Amino acid sequence: MSNGKQVTLFALDCGATNWRLYRVGYRLTGNLIRIMGDPQPSPLTSFSERKLPAILTLNPQGSGIESFGEVSQGQLEDENARERVREYFKPCIGAHLEANPLPHQKRYTHAQALEFTRMLLEAVVDQIRSEKWRASAFDEDVRFAFAYPVHWGYDHSGVILDDFKTLVLGCFPESIHTQIEFVPEPEGAILSLRRQGLLSSARGGVTLIVDVGGSTTDIIAGQIDPRTGELLYLGRYGEPIGGGLYDAEMAKYLADKLNVPASALADDPSAMATLRIYAQRLKESLSRRLMQNENSGEEISAQRMITLVLRDGQVYRRLMKLDQATFNRVAGHLNQSFQDLIAKAIKAIGLTDQDIGQVALVGGGVQLFSIVRHLRERFGDEKVVLADNPDEIVVRGVGLAFGAAMGTLEPGVSLVIEPPRVIEPEEDSEPEHNVDPAQDAEPVLEAGLQLISPEGKTYPLEIGVTKVGRARECLVWLESDKVSRVHAELHRTDDTLELIDLGSTNGTFLNDERLQANQPQTLHVGDEIRFGDQIFTIKLE
């Protein structure tokens, strides 16, 4: 009996501050489409902590990319290269059509924002092809799905979405254009939340989905159908308010505390991009601490050493401390703007607070403590649901949404979304037809291979190279003095998984035996690995 055709979908969420990449396998058998497990993160070597910072450095001629991602973030500290760095460009897409664009929407022209997006996407697509698709041409067994802000589809007659679609399709060969789908972000969020069981009709009332991104906030209202579990759409509301605005305000605060003259910043405007990155990390660190110690009664703060080197060689350096009171003083007006946004959304959709039965929070920006606290105070703690890894909710759902769209390829095709009963073959393997999963005899190649700590911290092991170390560019980033900056590498191919110590100071151990530097060792499911003092086990999800 034929097991049908297997296809692989890559789902991308090209956010304002970070890009995400997920992968999911589908099996097509006759008129049945079956999803092979949940969508999984599929980071590339350029990704850091499962995300790619949406930032690039132009070459000296300005005609292409010199570097991108975290490498470009590092170049913000180089006063000579900094003026060639471009970041936070997504908010500028379509801003030329707005009557009163905000300052962050005017940093680049619409054409420039599209061009920088194209440059970064071409680099990512090339890495997908080389690292996830055996460096061969994309064929009929691959699909791509892209998330987009829902308002792009209807504001200004959909012109912004049309421009984005044209940009994306231009990064792929014309032969697979019909295999590329575009999914509105709220649709992805709804499907992902349903998949995780976070949308429930048992709570009653209206469900609000609050999606806070880097540059925009979208609020979707609907009611859960108790029979199907689907969200019956009631309305939406959105504004260009996101986490990036907080970063911009905090960057101004850092400049003041460093006593950087306004004239100096005017002469080196790209220096504010450096301060914005520092501000983002300080803000996120403070939020994590406040959320984890919400009822401790202790004074919570975050601190970071800030170093800014201007183009003229002037150096500004100071240990900066950020506490809740300071944050509220600096960004209090943005907190008020967010609260006003929620009130306007409720009114615009025709609801009252009493109508709300649950509030589901998604998007990277919802991890900001002031946002979570306001929603809990307004609607009640028990009604507010903060999803795990909220910044990955949309991209997870994009994979599921594309599965539903595939059902339109031929009449009578149905979609089954359920975990497989057996472990399917590794999705990165050479696409094959009529393959029997039982013939895959090597357990290390099965889907869902992970590196997991005793505390439950997990890292997916993908085809390609996974770097381990204390350096921020390592996918497995370990904060320990016993771990070297780039401590070791895990090399995964279609046939093997190997561990290589890179001459680390405190050693890499496989099942309690120290490895010789630069000597690959084959790994199997169940093996224990120790990087310095950090212990992990190879497991299947």
Protein backbone atom coordinates (compact mmCIF):
# COMPACT_ATOMS: atom_id res chain seq x y z
CA MET A 1 0.00 0.00 0.00
CA SER A 2 1.38 3.42 -0.95
CA ASN A 3 2.17 5.83 1.85
CA GLY A 4 1.69 8.77 -0.50
CA LYS A 5 3.80 11.79 -1.25
CA GLN A 6 5.75 13.66 1.41
CA VAL A 7 6.23 17.44 1.20
CA THR A 8 8.05 19.83 3.49
CA LEU A 9 6.75 23.27 4.39
CA PHE A 10 8.93 26.13 5.60
CA ALA A 11 6.95 28.83 7.43
CA LEU A 12 8.46 32.30 7.86
CA ASP A 13 7.43 35.22 10.03
CA CYS A 14 9.45 38.24 8.86
CA GLY A 15 8.97 40.49 11.89
CA ALA A 16 10.12 44.03 12.51
CA THR A 17 12.84 43.05 15.00
CA ASN A 18 13.28 39.29 14.50
CA TRP A 19 12.53 36.69 11.84
CA ARG A 20 11.38 33.15 12.65
CA LEU A 21 11.59 29.94 10.62
CA TYR A 22 9.54 26.79 11.28
CA ARG A 23 9.19 23.54 9.40
CA VAL A 24 6.44 20.94 9.16
CA GLY A 25 6.01 17.79 7.08
CA TYR A 26 2.87 16.77 5.22
CA ARG A 27 1.93 13.47 3.65
CA LEU A 28 -0.50 13.50 0.72
CA THR A 29 -2.28 10.20 0.12
CA GLY A 30 -5.08 10.26 -2.41
CA ASN A 31 -7.50 12.93 -1.23
CA LEU A 32 -6.09 13.04 2.30
CA ILE A 33 -3.51 15.50 3.61
CA ARG A 34 -1.96 14.57 6.94
CA ILE A 35 0.30 16.81 9.03
CA MET A 36 3.22 14.82 10.39
CA GLY A 37 3.41 16.19 13.92
CA ASP A 38 3.53 19.80 15.08
CA PRO A 39 5.47 22.52 13.29
CA GLN A 40 8.99 22.70 14.71
CA PRO A 41 11.62 25.47 14.76
CA SER A 42 14.13 25.07 11.96
CA PRO A 43 16.80 27.69 12.62
CA LEU A 44 19.72 28.24 10.30
CA THR A 45 23.36 28.78 11.26
CA SER A 46 22.74 32.54 11.14
CA PHE A 47 19.97 32.26 13.75
CA SER A 48 20.57 33.07 17.41
CA GLU A 49 18.29 31.57 20.06
CA ARG A 50 15.89 30.36 17.33
CA LYS A 51 15.50 33.80 15.79
CA LEU A 52 17.25 35.96 13.24
CA PRO A 53 17.63 39.64 14.16
CA ALA A 54 16.15 41.63 11.26
CA ILE A 55 19.27 43.65 10.66
CA LEU A 56 21.81 43.79 7.85
CA THR A 57 25.01 45.58 6.90
CA LEU A 58 25.38 46.87 3.36
CA ASN A 59 28.65 46.40 1.54
CA PRO A 60 30.73 49.58 1.01
CA GLN A 61 29.17 50.03 -2.43
CA GLY A 62 25.65 49.73 -0.97
CA SER A 63 24.75 47.17 -3.63
CA GLY A 64 24.46 44.06 -1.45
CA ILE A 65 24.80 42.50 1.98
CA GLU A 66 28.11 42.34 3.78
CA SER A 67 26.61 40.61 6.84
CA PHE A 68 23.28 40.16 8.59
CA GLY A 69 21.68 39.00 11.82
CA GLU A 70 23.72 39.01 15.00
CA VAL A 71 26.95 39.70 13.08
CA SER A 72 25.43 42.99 11.93
CA GLN A 73 24.28 43.73 15.47
CA GLY A 74 27.91 43.44 16.51
CA GLN A 75 28.90 45.90 13.81
CA LEU A 76 26.74 48.54 15.48
CA GLU A 77 29.62 48.84 17.94
CA ASP A 78 32.03 49.59 15.07
CA GLU A 79 31.83 53.32 14.42
CA ASN A 80 33.24 52.81 10.90
CA ALA A 81 30.75 50.13 9.77
CA ARG A 82 27.73 51.35 11.71
CA GLU A 83 26.53 53.82 9.10
CA ARG A 84 26.05 50.89 6.69
CA VAL A 85 23.81 48.97 9.12
CA ARG A 86 20.06 48.87 8.39
CA GLU A 87 17.52 47.66 10.98
CA TYR A 88 13.88 48.05 11.97
CA PHE A 89 12.88 48.64 8.36
CA LYS A 90 9.62 46.67 8.22
CA PRO A 91 7.56 49.48 9.85
CA CYS A 92 8.44 51.69 6.87
CA ILE A 93 6.76 49.38 4.36
CA GLY A 94 3.61 51.19 3.24
CA ALA A 95 4.23 54.24 5.44
CA HIS A 96 4.20 56.49 2.37
CA LEU A 97 0.47 55.83 2.09
CA GLU A 98 -0.29 56.94 5.65
CA ALA A 99 -1.58 60.46 6.27
CA ASN A 100 0.42 60.92 9.48
CA PRO A 101 3.19 58.30 9.73
CA LEU A 102 4.99 58.03 13.05
CA PRO A 103 8.71 58.90 13.26
CA HIS A 104 9.80 55.24 13.24
CA GLN A 105 7.80 54.72 10.03
CA LYS A 106 9.79 57.44 8.26
CA ARG A 107 13.30 56.12 8.91
CA TYR A 108 13.44 54.70 5.37
CA THR A 109 11.37 55.13 2.25
CA HIS A 110 8.90 52.44 1.22
CA ALA A 111 11.23 51.42 -1.61
CA GLN A 112 14.24 51.20 0.70
CA ALA A 113 12.33 49.10 3.25
CA LEU A 114 11.28 46.67 0.51
CA GLU A 115 14.82 46.49 -0.82
CA PHE A 116 16.34 45.70 2.58
CA THR A 117 13.66 43.06 3.15
CA ARG A 118 14.48 41.53 -0.23
CA MET A 119 18.21 41.44 0.55
CA LEU A 120 17.68 39.70 3.86
CA LEU A 121 15.11 37.27 2.47
CA GLU A 122 17.39 36.26 -0.40
CA ALA A 123 20.14 35.48 2.11
CA VAL A 124 17.75 33.40 4.24
CA VAL A 125 16.31 31.52 1.25
CA ASP A 126 19.84 30.68 0.09
CA GLN A 127 20.63 29.28 3.55
CA ILE A 128 17.41 27.23 3.56
CA ARG A 129 18.38 25.73 0.23
CA SER A 130 21.96 24.95 1.25
CA GLU A 131 21.31 23.80 4.83
CA LYS A 132 17.82 22.29 4.69
CA TRP A 133 17.38 21.19 1.10
CA ARG A 134 20.66 19.41 0.25
CA ALA A 135 21.89 22.52 -1.64
CA SER A 136 19.74 21.44 -4.59
CA ALA A 137 17.05 23.31 -6.47
CA PHE A 138 13.63 23.65 -4.85
CA ASP A 139 11.16 21.23 -6.42
CA GLU A 140 7.53 20.12 -6.15
CA ASP A 141 8.13 18.61 -2.70
CA VAL A 142 8.72 21.93 -0.93
CA ARG A 143 6.23 24.60 0.16
CA PHE A 144 6.72 28.05 1.69
CA ALA A 145 4.31 30.15 3.76
CA PHE A 146 4.78 33.79 4.82
CA ALA A 147 2.98 35.67 7.58
CA TYR A 148 1.91 39.26 6.97
CA PRO A 149 0.16 41.98 9.05
CA VAL A 150 -3.55 41.64 8.46
CA HIS A 151 -4.05 45.33 7.64
CA TRP A 152 -1.72 45.03 4.65
CA GLY A 153 -4.49 43.07 2.94
CA TYR A 154 -7.20 45.72 3.14
CA ASP A 155 -5.62 49.12 3.86
CA HIS A 156 -5.15 51.20 0.70
CA SER A 157 -6.89 48.52 -1.42
CA GLY A 158 -4.28 45.91 -0.54
CA VAL A 159 -1.42 47.69 -2.32
CA ILE A 160 1.06 47.02 0.51
CA LEU A 161 0.35 43.29 0.47
CA ASP A 162 0.68 43.21 -3.31
CA ASP A 163 4.12 44.85 -3.05
CA PHE A 164 5.16 42.34 -0.36
CA LYS A 165 3.98 39.39 -2.44
CA THR A 166 5.89 40.64 -5.47
CA LEU A 167 9.03 41.02 -3.35
CA VAL A 168 8.76 37.50 -1.91
CA LEU A 169 8.01 35.77 -5.20
CA GLY A 170 11.01 37.51 -6.74
CA CYS A 171 13.27 35.64 -4.30
CA PHE A 172 12.18 32.22 -5.65
CA PRO A 173 12.29 30.53 -9.04
CA GLU A 174 9.08 31.03 -10.99
CA SER A 175 8.59 27.24 -11.17
CA ILE A 176 7.52 27.11 -7.48
CA HIS A 177 5.51 30.34 -7.23
CA THR A 178 2.29 28.33 -6.93
CA GLN A 179 3.82 26.58 -3.88
CA ILE A 180 4.14 29.84 -1.92
CA GLU A 181 1.30 30.96 0.34
CA PHE A 182 0.65 34.18 2.29
CA VAL A 183 -1.15 33.98 5.63
CA PRO A 184 -2.47 36.91 7.73
CA GLU A 185 -0.83 36.92 11.16
CA PRO A 186 -4.11 36.67 13.14
CA GLU A 187 -5.10 33.53 11.21
CA GLY A 188 -1.79 31.93 12.14
CA ALA A 189 -2.21 32.95 15.78
CA ILE A 190 -5.74 31.49 15.96
CA LEU A 191 -4.72 28.14 14.48
CA SER A 192 -1.68 27.87 16.75
CA LEU A 193 -3.66 28.73 19.89
CA ARG A 194 -6.34 26.20 18.94
CA ARG A 195 -3.66 23.54 18.37
CA GLN A 196 -2.30 24.17 21.88
CA GLY A 197 -5.75 24.10 23.47
CA LEU A 198 -5.53 27.72 24.62
CA LEU A 199 -8.81 28.77 23.03
CA SER A 200 -11.70 27.24 24.93
CA SER A 201 -15.45 27.70 24.66
CA ALA A 202 -15.72 26.56 28.29
CA ARG A 203 -14.61 30.00 29.48
CA GLY A 204 -17.56 31.58 27.70
CA GLY A 205 -17.85 35.12 26.41
CA VAL A 206 -15.73 36.73 23.71
CA THR A 207 -12.13 35.79 23.08
CA LEU A 208 -9.61 38.58 22.49
CA ILE A 209 -6.35 37.73 20.77
CA VAL A 210 -3.83 40.49 21.47
CA ASP A 211 -0.86 40.27 19.09
CA VAL A 212 1.90 42.72 20.05
CA GLY A 213 4.78 42.79 17.57
CA GLY A 214 7.81 44.96 17.13
CA SER A 215 5.97 47.70 15.29
CA THR A 216 2.22 47.02 15.45
CA THR A 217 -0.47 45.64 17.75
CA ASP A 218 -3.47 43.78 16.31
CA ILE A 219 -6.49 42.79 18.39
CA ILE A 220 -8.86 40.13 17.09
CA ALA A 221 -12.23 39.41 18.72
CA GLY A 222 -14.33 36.31 18.23
CA GLN A 223 -16.40 33.60 19.89
CA ILE A 224 -15.38 29.96 20.12
CA ASP A 225 -17.81 27.61 18.38
CA PRO A 226 -18.37 24.83 20.98
CA ARG A 227 -18.94 22.27 18.23
CA THR A 228 -15.91 22.90 16.03
CA GLY A 229 -13.56 24.87 18.28
CA GLU A 230 -13.24 27.52 15.57
CA LEU A 231 -13.13 31.23 16.32
CA LEU A 232 -16.19 32.99 14.89
CA TYR A 233 -14.81 36.37 13.85
CA LEU A 234 -16.39 39.50 15.37
CA GLY A 235 -13.89 42.21 14.46
CA ARG A 236 -10.35 43.57 14.66
CA TYR A 237 -8.53 46.72 15.59
CA GLY A 238 -4.88 47.69 15.26
CA GLU A 239 -2.43 50.55 15.57
CA PRO A 240 1.31 51.05 14.87
CA ILE A 241 2.25 50.56 18.53
CA GLY A 242 4.78 47.83 19.34
CA GLY A 243 7.80 46.87 21.37
CA GLY A 244 10.13 48.86 19.13
CA LEU A 245 8.64 52.15 20.32
CA TYR A 246 9.66 51.30 23.89
CA ASP A 247 13.18 50.57 22.65
CA ALA A 248 13.36 53.95 20.93
CA GLU A 249 12.29 55.80 24.08
CA MET A 250 14.73 53.87 26.21
CA ALA A 251 17.52 54.60 23.70
CA LYS A 252 16.94 58.34 24.23
CA TYR A 253 17.13 57.76 27.98
CA LEU A 254 20.45 55.91 27.61
CA ALA A 255 21.85 58.76 25.49
CA ASP A 256 20.92 61.24 28.22
CA LYS A 257 22.46 59.13 30.98
CA LEU A 258 25.65 58.72 28.97
CA ASN A 259 25.72 62.52 28.49
CA VAL A 260 26.06 62.18 24.73
CA PRO A 261 25.60 65.67 23.22
CA ALA A 262 22.68 66.01 20.83
CA SER A 263 25.07 67.52 18.30
CA ALA A 264 27.23 64.39 18.42
CA LEU A 265 24.21 62.17 17.75
CA ALA A 266 23.19 64.44 14.89
CA ASP A 267 26.64 63.93 13.33
CA ASP A 268 26.38 60.14 13.85
CA PRO A 269 22.66 59.27 13.61
CA SER A 270 23.37 55.55 13.26
CA ALA A 271 24.61 55.60 16.88
CA MET A 272 20.98 55.58 18.01
CA ALA A 273 20.60 52.14 16.42
CA THR A 274 23.29 50.86 18.78
CA LEU A 275 21.55 52.38 21.78
CA ARG A 276 18.23 50.92 20.63
CA ILE A 277 19.69 47.39 20.74
CA TYR A 278 21.10 48.02 24.23
CA ALA A 279 17.71 49.40 25.29
CA GLN A 280 15.87 46.35 23.96
CA ARG A 281 18.09 43.98 25.93
CA LEU A 282 17.75 46.01 29.12
CA LYS A 283 13.97 46.19 28.73
CA GLU A 284 13.66 42.45 28.09
CA SER A 285 15.92 41.58 31.02
CA LEU A 286 13.90 43.76 33.39
CA SER A 287 10.61 42.29 32.15
CA ARG A 288 11.82 38.72 32.66
CA ARG A 289 12.92 39.48 36.20
CA LEU A 290 9.68 41.26 37.09
CA MET A 291 7.51 38.48 35.65
CA GLN A 292 9.48 35.79 37.46
CA ASN A 293 9.50 37.62 40.81
CA GLU A 294 6.15 39.38 40.61
CA ASN A 295 5.15 38.74 44.22
CA SER A 296 8.56 38.69 45.86
CA GLY A 297 8.36 42.22 47.26
CA GLU A 298 12.00 42.75 46.30
CA GLU A 299 13.30 45.70 44.33
CA ILE A 300 13.89 44.29 40.86
CA SER A 301 16.30 45.81 38.38
CA ALA A 302 18.42 44.92 35.36
CA GLN A 303 21.83 46.24 34.46
CA ARG A 304 24.21 46.18 31.50
CA MET A 305 27.50 47.82 30.59
CA ILE A 306 26.85 50.25 27.73
CA THR A 307 29.69 51.24 25.41
CA LEU A 308 29.09 53.70 22.57
CA VAL A 309 31.89 54.73 20.23
CA LEU A 310 30.98 57.62 17.95
CA ARG A 311 32.31 58.20 14.47
CA ASP A 312 34.73 60.86 15.73
CA GLY A 313 36.30 58.34 18.11
CA GLN A 314 34.64 59.67 21.27
CA VAL A 315 33.83 56.81 23.67
CA TYR A 316 30.91 56.82 26.12
CA ARG A 317 30.81 53.98 28.63
CA ARG A 318 28.72 53.39 31.73
CA LEU A 319 27.07 50.60 33.73
CA MET A 320 23.35 51.27 33.31
CA LYS A 321 20.72 50.10 35.77
CA LEU A 322 17.02 49.95 34.91
CA ASP A 323 14.24 49.44 37.46
CA GLN A 324 10.48 49.54 37.18
CA ALA A 325 10.12 53.11 38.41
CA THR A 326 12.62 54.40 35.86
CA PHE A 327 11.00 52.42 33.06
CA ASN A 328 7.56 53.79 33.92
CA ARG A 329 8.93 57.33 34.05
CA VAL A 330 10.58 57.01 30.64
CA ALA A 331 7.93 54.96 28.82
CA GLY A 332 4.82 55.79 30.84
CA HIS A 333 3.23 57.61 27.90
CA LEU A 334 3.58 54.45 25.80
CA ASN A 335 1.95 52.41 28.56
CA GLN A 336 -0.93 54.87 28.39
CA SER A 337 -1.05 54.59 24.59
CA PHE A 338 -1.36 50.82 24.88
CA GLN A 339 -4.13 51.12 27.45
CA ASP A 340 -5.94 53.58 25.16
CA LEU A 341 -5.51 51.15 22.27
CA ILE A 342 -7.22 48.36 24.23
CA ALA A 343 -10.09 50.69 25.15
CA LYS A 344 -10.51 51.86 21.55
CA ALA A 345 -10.44 48.28 20.27
CA ILE A 346 -13.17 47.17 22.67
CA LYS A 347 -15.32 50.13 21.63
CA ALA A 348 -14.62 49.82 17.89
CA ILE A 349 -15.59 46.15 17.85
CA GLY A 350 -18.75 46.95 19.82
CA LEU A 351 -17.94 45.15 23.06
CA THR A 352 -17.72 45.89 26.78
CA ASP A 353 -15.20 44.57 29.28
CA GLN A 354 -17.93 42.31 30.70
CA ASP A 355 -18.26 40.57 27.31
CA ILE A 356 -14.66 39.31 27.43
CA GLY A 357 -14.24 35.70 28.54
CA GLN A 358 -10.55 35.21 27.75
CA VAL A 359 -7.58 37.21 26.49
CA ALA A 360 -4.83 35.30 24.65
CA LEU A 361 -1.48 37.09 24.37
CA VAL A 362 0.84 36.41 21.43
CA GLY A 363 3.79 38.18 19.83
CA GLY A 364 7.20 39.09 21.25
CA GLY A 365 5.94 42.40 22.64
CA VAL A 366 3.44 40.82 25.04
CA GLN A 367 6.29 39.69 27.27
CA LEU A 368 6.62 43.29 28.43
CA PHE A 369 5.55 43.33 32.08
CA SER A 370 3.53 46.55 31.80
CA ILE A 371 1.35 45.09 29.03
CA VAL A 372 0.63 41.86 30.89
CA ARG A 373 -0.14 43.71 34.13
CA HIS A 374 -2.56 46.11 32.49
CA LEU A 375 -4.54 43.32 30.83
CA ARG A 376 -4.68 41.32 34.06
CA GLU A 377 -5.85 44.35 36.01
CA ARG A 378 -8.48 45.19 33.40
CA PHE A 379 -9.92 41.76 32.68
CA GLY A 380 -8.82 39.64 35.67
CA ASP A 381 -5.85 37.29 36.16
CA GLU A 382 -7.88 34.17 35.39
CA LYS A 383 -8.93 35.45 31.95
CA VAL A 384 -5.48 36.36 30.65
CA VAL A 385 -3.55 33.55 28.95
CA LEU A 386 0.11 34.14 28.06
CA ALA A 387 1.14 31.49 25.57
CA ASP A 388 4.48 29.70 25.86
CA ASN A 389 7.00 31.29 23.48
CA PRO A 390 4.44 33.90 22.40
CA ASP A 391 6.77 35.30 19.77
CA GLU A 392 6.61 31.95 17.93
CA ILE A 393 2.82 31.52 18.00
CA VAL A 394 2.19 33.15 14.61
CA VAL A 395 4.89 31.25 12.71
CA ARG A 396 3.67 27.94 14.19
CA GLY A 397 0.16 28.66 12.99
CA VAL A 398 1.33 29.72 9.55
CA GLY A 399 2.39 26.11 8.97
CA LEU A 400 -1.04 24.86 10.00
CA ALA A 401 -2.81 27.49 7.89
CA PHE A 402 -0.92 26.40 4.82
CA GLY A 403 -2.07 22.84 5.42
CA ALA A 404 -5.63 24.05 5.30
CA ALA A 405 -4.94 25.98 2.10
CA MET A 406 -3.48 22.85 0.50
CA GLY A 407 -6.93 21.31 0.79
CA THR A 408 -8.03 23.51 -2.12
CA LEU A 409 -5.58 21.95 -4.56
CA GLU A 410 -8.11 19.39 -5.74
CA PRO A 411 -11.84 18.79 -5.13
CA GLY A 412 -12.73 16.72 -2.12
CA VAL A 413 -9.34 16.95 -0.42
CA SER A 414 -9.62 16.98 3.38
CA LEU A 415 -7.11 17.99 6.04
CA VAL A 416 -6.26 15.95 9.12
CA ILE A 417 -4.36 17.82 11.84
CA GLU A 418 -3.22 15.29 14.41
CA PRO A 419 0.06 13.96 15.80
CA PRO A 420 1.24 10.84 13.94
CA ARG A 421 0.97 7.48 15.68
CA VAL A 422 4.48 6.56 14.62
CA ILE A 423 7.61 8.64 14.30
CA GLU A 424 7.88 9.76 10.72
CA PRO A 425 11.14 9.89 8.71
CA GLU A 426 13.34 12.93 9.12
CA GLU A 427 11.82 15.71 7.04
CA ASP A 428 15.19 17.02 5.89
CA SER A 429 16.01 13.76 4.14
CA GLU A 430 15.95 13.53 0.36
CA PRO A 431 12.28 13.83 -0.68
CA GLU A 432 11.06 10.36 -1.63
CA HIS A 433 7.80 8.89 -2.84
CA ASN A 434 6.08 5.83 -1.39
CA VAL A 435 8.50 5.47 1.51
CA ASP A 436 7.67 3.13 4.37
CA PRO A 437 8.53 4.83 7.70
CA ALA A 438 9.29 1.46 9.24
CA GLN A 439 12.25 1.08 6.90
CA ASP A 440 14.05 3.97 8.62
CA ALA A 441 16.22 1.87 10.87
CA GLU A 442 18.57 4.52 12.28
CA PRO A 443 16.89 6.07 15.35
CA VAL A 444 19.18 9.09 15.45
CA LEU A 445 17.65 10.36 12.19
CA GLU A 446 14.05 10.42 13.35
CA ALA A 447 12.11 13.67 13.58
CA GLY A 448 12.14 15.65 16.81
CA LEU A 449 15.79 15.02 17.76
CA GLN A 450 16.73 17.31 20.63
CA LEU A 451 19.46 18.30 23.05
CA ILE A 452 17.78 18.54 26.49
CA SER A 453 19.09 19.59 29.93
CA PRO A 454 18.02 18.05 33.29
CA GLU A 455 15.94 21.22 33.85
CA GLY A 456 14.05 20.62 30.60
CA LYS A 457 15.71 23.27 28.44
CA THR A 458 15.65 21.96 24.88
CA TYR A 459 17.40 22.73 21.61
CA PRO A 460 16.28 21.14 18.31
CA LEU A 461 19.09 19.47 16.34
CA GLU A 462 18.69 20.28 12.67
CA ILE A 463 20.56 19.20 9.54
CA GLY A 464 23.76 21.23 9.47
CA VAL A 465 26.03 22.62 12.20
CA THR A 466 24.84 23.55 15.70
CA LYS A 467 27.38 25.62 17.62
CA VAL A 468 27.61 25.35 21.41
CA GLY A 469 29.26 27.95 23.61
CA ARG A 470 29.17 31.14 25.64
CA ALA A 471 29.21 33.44 22.58
CA ARG A 472 25.87 34.96 21.68
CA GLU A 473 26.12 33.71 18.10
CA CYS A 474 25.97 30.07 19.28
CA LEU A 475 22.59 28.39 18.78
CA VAL A 476 23.11 26.53 22.08
CA TRP A 477 24.04 29.55 24.19
CA LEU A 478 25.29 28.60 27.68
CA GLU A 479 25.89 31.22 30.36
CA SER A 480 28.67 29.51 32.35
CA ASP A 481 32.27 30.43 33.08
CA LYS A 482 33.14 26.75 32.53
CA VAL A 483 32.03 26.94 28.90
CA SER A 484 34.28 28.39 26.19
CA ARG A 485 33.03 31.09 23.81
CA VAL A 486 32.69 28.53 21.00
CA HIS A 487 32.98 25.29 22.93
CA ALA A 488 31.85 22.54 20.57
CA GLU A 489 29.83 21.75 17.46
CA LEU A 490 27.14 19.20 16.65
CA HIS A 491 27.21 18.12 12.99
CA ARG A 492 24.06 16.50 11.66
CA THR A 493 23.74 14.98 8.19
CA ASP A 494 21.20 12.59 6.70
CA ASP A 495 23.23 9.66 8.06
CA THR A 496 24.97 10.75 11.24
CA LEU A 497 25.04 13.05 14.24
CA GLU A 498 28.54 13.90 15.41
CA LEU A 499 29.99 15.87 18.31
CA ILE A 500 33.26 17.80 17.97
CA ASP A 501 35.10 19.54 20.81
CA LEU A 502 36.79 22.70 19.52
CA GLY A 503 39.70 22.75 21.96
CA SER A 504 37.60 23.99 24.89
CA THR A 505 39.34 24.83 28.16
CA ASN A 506 37.19 22.65 30.41
CA GLY A 507 36.45 19.91 27.95
CA THR A 508 33.53 18.18 26.26
CA PHE A 509 32.49 14.81 27.70
CA LEU A 510 30.50 12.03 26.04
CA ASN A 511 29.09 9.56 28.57
CA ASP A 512 31.70 10.77 31.11
CA GLU A 513 34.65 10.36 28.72
CA ARG A 514 36.50 13.50 27.66
CA LEU A 515 36.77 13.96 23.90
CA GLN A 516 39.96 14.80 22.09
CA ALA A 517 39.82 18.20 20.45
CA ASN A 518 38.69 18.27 16.81
CA GLN A 519 37.99 14.51 16.75
CA PRO A 520 34.36 13.81 15.68
CA GLN A 521 32.39 11.32 17.80
CA THR A 522 29.16 9.70 16.62
CA LEU A 523 26.12 10.27 18.85
CA HIS A 524 23.01 8.20 19.52
CA VAL A 525 19.70 8.78 21.27
CA GLY A 526 20.23 8.56 25.04
CA ASP A 527 23.86 9.72 25.02
CA GLU A 528 24.84 12.17 27.79
CA ILE A 529 26.99 15.15 26.84
CA ARG A 530 28.71 17.60 29.18
CA PHE A 531 30.04 20.94 27.94
CA GLY A 532 32.23 22.13 30.84
CA ASP A 533 29.70 21.92 33.69
CA GLN A 534 26.55 21.93 31.51
CA ILE A 535 24.89 18.52 31.08
CA PHE A 536 22.59 17.51 28.21
CA THR A 537 21.06 14.33 26.81
CA ILE A 538 20.18 13.39 23.23
CA LYS A 539 16.47 12.62 23.14
CA LEU A 540 13.53 12.30 20.79
CA GLU A 541 10.57 14.60 21.37
